[in-house]
C-alpha atoms as a PDB file:
ATOM      1  CA  MET A   1     124.184   6.892 132.480  1.00  0.00           C
ATOM      2  CA  GLY A   2     127.370   8.219 131.609  1.00  0.00           C
ATOM      3  CA  THR A   3     127.954  11.483 129.428  1.00  0.00           C
ATOM      4  CA  LEU A   4     129.360   9.777 126.598  1.00  0.00           C
ATOM      5  CA  LEU A   5     126.767   7.122 126.462  1.00  0.00           C
ATOM      6  CA  LYS A   6     123.759   9.879 126.691  1.00  0.00           C
ATOM      7  CA  LYS A   7     125.874  11.399 123.694  1.00  0.00           C
ATOM      8  CA  LEU A   8     125.917   8.344 121.581  1.00  0.00           C
ATOM      9  CA  GLU A   9     122.427   7.533 122.255  1.00  0.00           C
ATOM     10  CA  SER A  10     121.413  11.329 121.456  1.00  0.00           C
ATOM     11  CA  ASP A  11     123.395  11.224 118.394  1.00  0.00           C
ATOM     12  CA  PHE A  12     122.147   7.979 117.200  1.00  0.00           C
ATOM     13  CA  ILE A  13     118.391   9.430 117.622  1.00  0.00           C
ATOM     14  CA  THR A  14     119.511  12.195 115.442  1.00  0.00           C
ATOM     15  CA  ALA A  15     121.218  10.283 112.867  1.00  0.00           C
ATOM     16  CA  TYR A  16     117.981   7.869 112.806  1.00  0.00           C
ATOM     17  CA  LYS A  17     115.670  10.764 112.100  1.00  0.00           C
ATOM     18  CA  ALA A  18     117.781  12.534 109.553  1.00  0.00           C
ATOM     19  CA  LYS A  19     118.402   9.073 107.937  1.00  0.00           C
ATOM     20  CA  GLU A  20     122.248   9.474 107.847  1.00  0.00           C
ATOM     21  CA  GLU A  21     123.057   5.333 107.212  1.00  0.00           C
ATOM     22  CA  VAL A  22     126.744   5.548 107.785  1.00  0.00           C
ATOM     23  CA  ARG A  23     126.392   7.651 110.827  1.00  0.00           C
ATOM     24  CA  VAL A  24     123.381   5.095 112.165  1.00  0.00           C
ATOM     25  CA  GLY A  25     125.442   2.160 111.113  1.00  0.00           C
ATOM     26  CA  VAL A  26     128.565   3.036 113.060  1.00  0.00           C
ATOM     27  CA  LEU A  27     126.677   4.100 115.970  1.00  0.00           C
ATOM     28  CA  ARG A  28     124.410   1.069 115.902  1.00  0.00           C
ATOM     29  CA  MET A  29     127.583  -1.388 116.053  1.00  0.00           C
ATOM     30  CA  LEU A  30     128.740   0.713 118.944  1.00  0.00           C
ATOM     31  CA  LYS A  31     125.713   0.752 120.846  1.00  0.00           C
ATOM     32  CA  THR A  32     125.896  -3.326 120.546  1.00  0.00           C
ATOM     33  CA  ALA A  33     129.646  -3.413 121.715  1.00  0.00           C
ATOM     34  CA  ILE A  34     128.554  -1.227 124.351  1.00  0.00           C
ATOM     35  CA  LYS A  35     125.507  -3.490 125.411  1.00  0.00           C
ATOM     36  CA  ASN A  36     127.961  -6.419 125.147  1.00  0.00           C
ATOM     37  CA  ARG A  37     130.565  -4.888 127.503  1.00  0.00           C
ATOM     38  CA  GLN A  38     127.152  -4.096 129.931  1.00  0.00           C
ATOM     39  CA  VAL A  39     126.303  -7.899 130.371  1.00  0.00           C
ATOM     40  CA  GLU A  40     130.145  -8.671 130.823  1.00  0.00           C
ATOM     41  CA  LEU A  41     130.106  -6.136 133.719  1.00  0.00           C
ATOM     42  CA  LYS A  42     127.114  -6.987 135.151  1.00  0.00           C
ATOM     43  CA  ALA A  43     126.666  -3.146 135.310  1.00  0.00           C
ATOM     44  CA  GLU A  44     126.497   0.065 133.284  1.00  0.00           C
ATOM     45  CA  PRO A  45     129.762   0.889 131.348  1.00  0.00           C
ATOM     46  CA  SER A  46     131.916   3.798 132.410  1.00  0.00           C
ATOM     47  CA  ASP A  47     132.778   6.259 130.281  1.00  0.00           C
ATOM     48  CA  ASP A  48     136.499   4.999 130.062  1.00  0.00           C
ATOM     49  CA  ASP A  49     135.074   1.357 129.397  1.00  0.00           C
ATOM     50  CA  VAL A  50     133.086   3.143 126.390  1.00  0.00           C
ATOM     51  CA  LEU A  51     136.077   4.970 125.083  1.00  0.00           C
ATOM     52  CA  ASP A  52     138.257   1.649 125.030  1.00  0.00           C
ATOM     53  CA  LEU A  53     135.200   0.333 122.769  1.00  0.00           C
ATOM     54  CA  ILE A  54     135.642   3.440 120.721  1.00  0.00           C
ATOM     55  CA  ALA A  55     139.167   2.670 120.442  1.00  0.00           C
ATOM     56  CA  ARG A  56     139.139  -0.637 119.770  1.00  0.00           C
ATOM     57  CA  GLN A  57     136.423  -0.004 116.736  1.00  0.00           C
ATOM     58  CA  LEU A  58     139.105   2.649 115.671  1.00  0.00           C
ATOM     59  CA  LYS A  59     141.780   0.274 115.736  1.00  0.00           C
ATOM     60  CA  GLN A  60     139.869  -2.166 113.226  1.00  0.00           C
ATOM     61  CA  ARG A  61     139.195   0.647 111.072  1.00  0.00           C
ATOM     62  CA  LYS A  62     142.593   1.440 110.569  1.00  0.00           C
ATOM     63  CA  GLU A  63     143.318  -2.268 110.134  1.00  0.00           C
ATOM     64  CA  SER A  64     141.002  -2.585 107.848  1.00  0.00           C
ATOM     65  CA  ILE A  65     142.102   0.350 105.662  1.00  0.00           C
ATOM     66  CA  GLU A  66     145.693  -0.756 105.451  1.00  0.00           C
ATOM     67  CA  GLN A  67     144.197  -4.183 104.153  1.00  0.00           C
ATOM     68  CA  PHE A  68     141.621  -3.039 101.489  1.00  0.00           C
ATOM     69  CA  SER A  69     144.731  -0.167 100.380  1.00  0.00           C
ATOM     70  CA  ALA A  70     146.728  -3.038  99.744  1.00  0.00           C
ATOM     71  CA  ALA A  71     144.098  -4.665  97.763  1.00  0.00           C
ATOM     72  CA  ASN A  72     143.312  -2.006  95.763  1.00  0.00           C
ATOM     73  CA  ARG A  73     139.531  -2.036  97.073  1.00  0.00           C
ATOM     74  CA  ASP A  74     139.498   1.774  97.246  1.00  0.00           C
ATOM     75  CA  ASP A  75     135.517   1.551  97.332  1.00  0.00           C
ATOM     76  CA  LEU A  76     136.012  -0.245 100.649  1.00  0.00           C
ATOM     77  CA  VAL A  77     138.484   1.760 102.109  1.00  0.00           C
ATOM     78  CA  ALA A  78     136.058   4.744 101.474  1.00  0.00           C
ATOM     79  CA  ILE A  79     133.946   3.275 103.542  1.00  0.00           C
ATOM     80  CA  GLU A  80     136.034   2.261 106.552  1.00  0.00           C
ATOM     81  CA  GLU A  81     137.488   5.718 106.138  1.00  0.00           C
ATOM     82  CA  ALA A  82     133.976   7.581 106.604  1.00  0.00           C
ATOM     83  CA  GLU A  83     133.335   5.220 109.758  1.00  0.00           C
ATOM     84  CA  LEU A  84     136.506   6.345 110.947  1.00  0.00           C
ATOM     85  CA  VAL A  85     135.850  10.084 110.892  1.00  0.00           C
ATOM     86  CA  ILE A  86     132.501   9.476 112.690  1.00  0.00           C
ATOM     87  CA  LEU A  87     134.377   7.358 115.370  1.00  0.00           C
ATOM     88  CA  GLN A  88     137.023   9.865 115.800  1.00  0.00           C
ATOM     89  CA  GLU A  89     134.246  12.455 116.790  1.00  0.00           C
ATOM     90  CA  TYR A  90     133.924  10.960 119.858  1.00  0.00           C
ATOM     91  CA  MET A  91     137.426  10.235 121.484  1.00  0.00           C
ATOM     92  CA  PRO A  92     139.140  13.230 123.204  1.00  0.00           C
ATOM     93  CA  GLU A  93     141.462  15.366 121.102  1.00  0.00           C
ATOM     94  CA  ALA A  94     144.927  13.589 120.580  1.00  0.00           C
ATOM     95  CA  LEU A  95     147.968  14.742 121.905  1.00  0.00           C
ATOM     96  CA  SER A  96     150.472  16.235 119.523  1.00  0.00           C
ATOM     97  CA  PRO A  97     153.570  14.331 118.916  1.00  0.00           C
ATOM     98  CA  GLU A  98     155.603  17.061 120.962  1.00  0.00           C
ATOM     99  CA  GLU A  99     153.388  16.582 123.662  1.00  0.00           C
ATOM    100  CA  VAL A 100     153.562  12.810 123.575  1.00  0.00           C
ATOM    101  CA  GLU A 101     157.209  13.186 123.473  1.00  0.00           C
ATOM    102  CA  ALA A 102     157.354  15.494 126.802  1.00  0.00           C
ATOM    103  CA  LEU A 103     154.969  13.117 128.292  1.00  0.00           C
ATOM    104  CA  VAL A 104     157.169  10.475 127.754  1.00  0.00           C
ATOM    105  CA  ASP A 105     160.114  12.020 128.991  1.00  0.00           C
ATOM    106  CA  ALA A 106     158.382  13.308 132.405  1.00  0.00           C
ATOM    107  CA  THR A 107     156.850   9.794 132.941  1.00  0.00           C
ATOM    108  CA  ILE A 108     159.898   8.054 132.529  1.00  0.00           C
ATOM    109  CA  ALA A 109     162.170  10.597 134.748  1.00  0.00           C
ATOM    110  CA  GLU A 110     158.715  10.206 137.654  1.00  0.00           C
ATOM    111  CA  LEU A 111     159.089   6.549 137.610  1.00  0.00           C
ATOM    112  CA  GLY A 112     162.825   6.447 137.625  1.00  0.00           C
ATOM    113  CA  ALA A 113     162.447   3.926 134.460  1.00  0.00           C
ATOM    114  CA  ASP A 114     166.078   2.615 133.005  1.00  0.00           C
ATOM    115  CA  GLY A 115     166.069  -0.110 130.518  1.00  0.00           C
ATOM    116  CA  MET A 116     163.211  -2.072 128.633  1.00  0.00           C
ATOM    117  CA  LYS A 117     162.342  -4.057 131.986  1.00  0.00           C
ATOM    118  CA  ASP A 118     160.410  -0.700 132.757  1.00  0.00           C
ATOM    119  CA  MET A 119     158.364  -0.238 129.596  1.00  0.00           C
ATOM    120  CA  GLY A 120     155.181  -1.720 130.796  1.00  0.00           C
ATOM    121  CA  ARG A 121     155.112   0.752 133.739  1.00  0.00           C
ATOM    122  CA  VAL A 122     155.900   3.555 131.770  1.00  0.00           C
ATOM    123  CA  MET A 123     153.305   2.281 129.019  1.00  0.00           C
ATOM    124  CA  GLY A 124     150.295   1.609 131.570  1.00  0.00           C
ATOM    125  CA  ALA A 125     151.007   5.099 133.468  1.00  0.00           C
ATOM    126  CA  ILE A 126     150.481   7.033 130.263  1.00  0.00           C
ATOM    127  CA  THR A 127     147.829   5.049 128.511  1.00  0.00           C
ATOM    128  CA  SER A 128     145.658   5.002 131.716  1.00  0.00           C
ATOM    129  CA  ALA A 129     146.318   9.056 132.503  1.00  0.00           C
ATOM    130  CA  TYR A 130     145.566   9.802 128.899  1.00  0.00           C
ATOM    131  CA  LYS A 131     143.106   7.285 127.548  1.00  0.00           C
ATOM    132  CA  GLY A 132     142.256   7.641 123.691  1.00  0.00           C
ATOM    133  CA  ARG A 133     144.425  10.736 123.520  1.00  0.00           C
ATOM    134  CA  VAL A 134     147.775   8.674 122.287  1.00  0.00           C
ATOM    135  CA  ASP A 135     148.213   6.384 119.572  1.00  0.00           C
ATOM    136  CA  GLY A 136     149.461   3.295 121.074  1.00  0.00           C
ATOM    137  CA  LYS A 137     151.699   2.316 118.383  1.00  0.00           C
ATOM    138  CA  HIS A 138     153.362   5.491 118.362  1.00  0.00           C
ATOM    139  CA  LEU A 139     153.782   5.574 122.322  1.00  0.00           C
ATOM    140  CA  SER A 140     155.373   2.221 122.057  1.00  0.00           C
ATOM    141  CA  GLY A 141     157.977   2.912 119.715  1.00  0.00           C
ATOM    142  CA  LEU A 142     158.952   6.476 121.386  1.00  0.00           C
ATOM    143  CA  VAL A 143     158.944   4.766 124.900  1.00  0.00           C
ATOM    144  CA  ARG A 144     160.783   1.591 123.358  1.00  0.00           C
ATOM    145  CA  SER A 145     163.423   3.995 121.695  1.00  0.00           C
ATOM    146  CA  LYS A 146     164.136   6.299 125.198  1.00  0.00           C
ATOM    147  CA  LEU A 147     164.322   3.334 127.524  1.00  0.00           C
ATOM    148  CA  ALA A 148     166.644   1.223 124.880  1.00  0.00           C
ATOM    149  CA  GLY A 149     168.616   4.291 124.104  1.00  0.00           C
END
């Protein structure tokens, strides 16, 4: 069992015993997604697989927050934000905007990328090496501006 999977399982049991309803709900949903992934893979998901699942859950929460904010549903925004905070605890520490920019510059130079045709290679190299540590939307905009400029 992967380290992240063990931590999630342990945290779920602790939250359940402490009757932390929001944390239990978030972790239960995540455990279900992991179990579904396990069925797809016909093997136990790796920590990278679990990070991907958490990242998807985070993205869903962020999109929901935007939609609920636009609809002035502050009650629902608060719930999504609380869940987002819990999910964020399981992600590796994000790179700062300066670190991301330096990383993009270095990757472009390393790959000899010149132009938009190389955007996929640059994005792929960074996202696979820094899984969960860079925001895809921010990274995409930065890579696009550097390659187009």
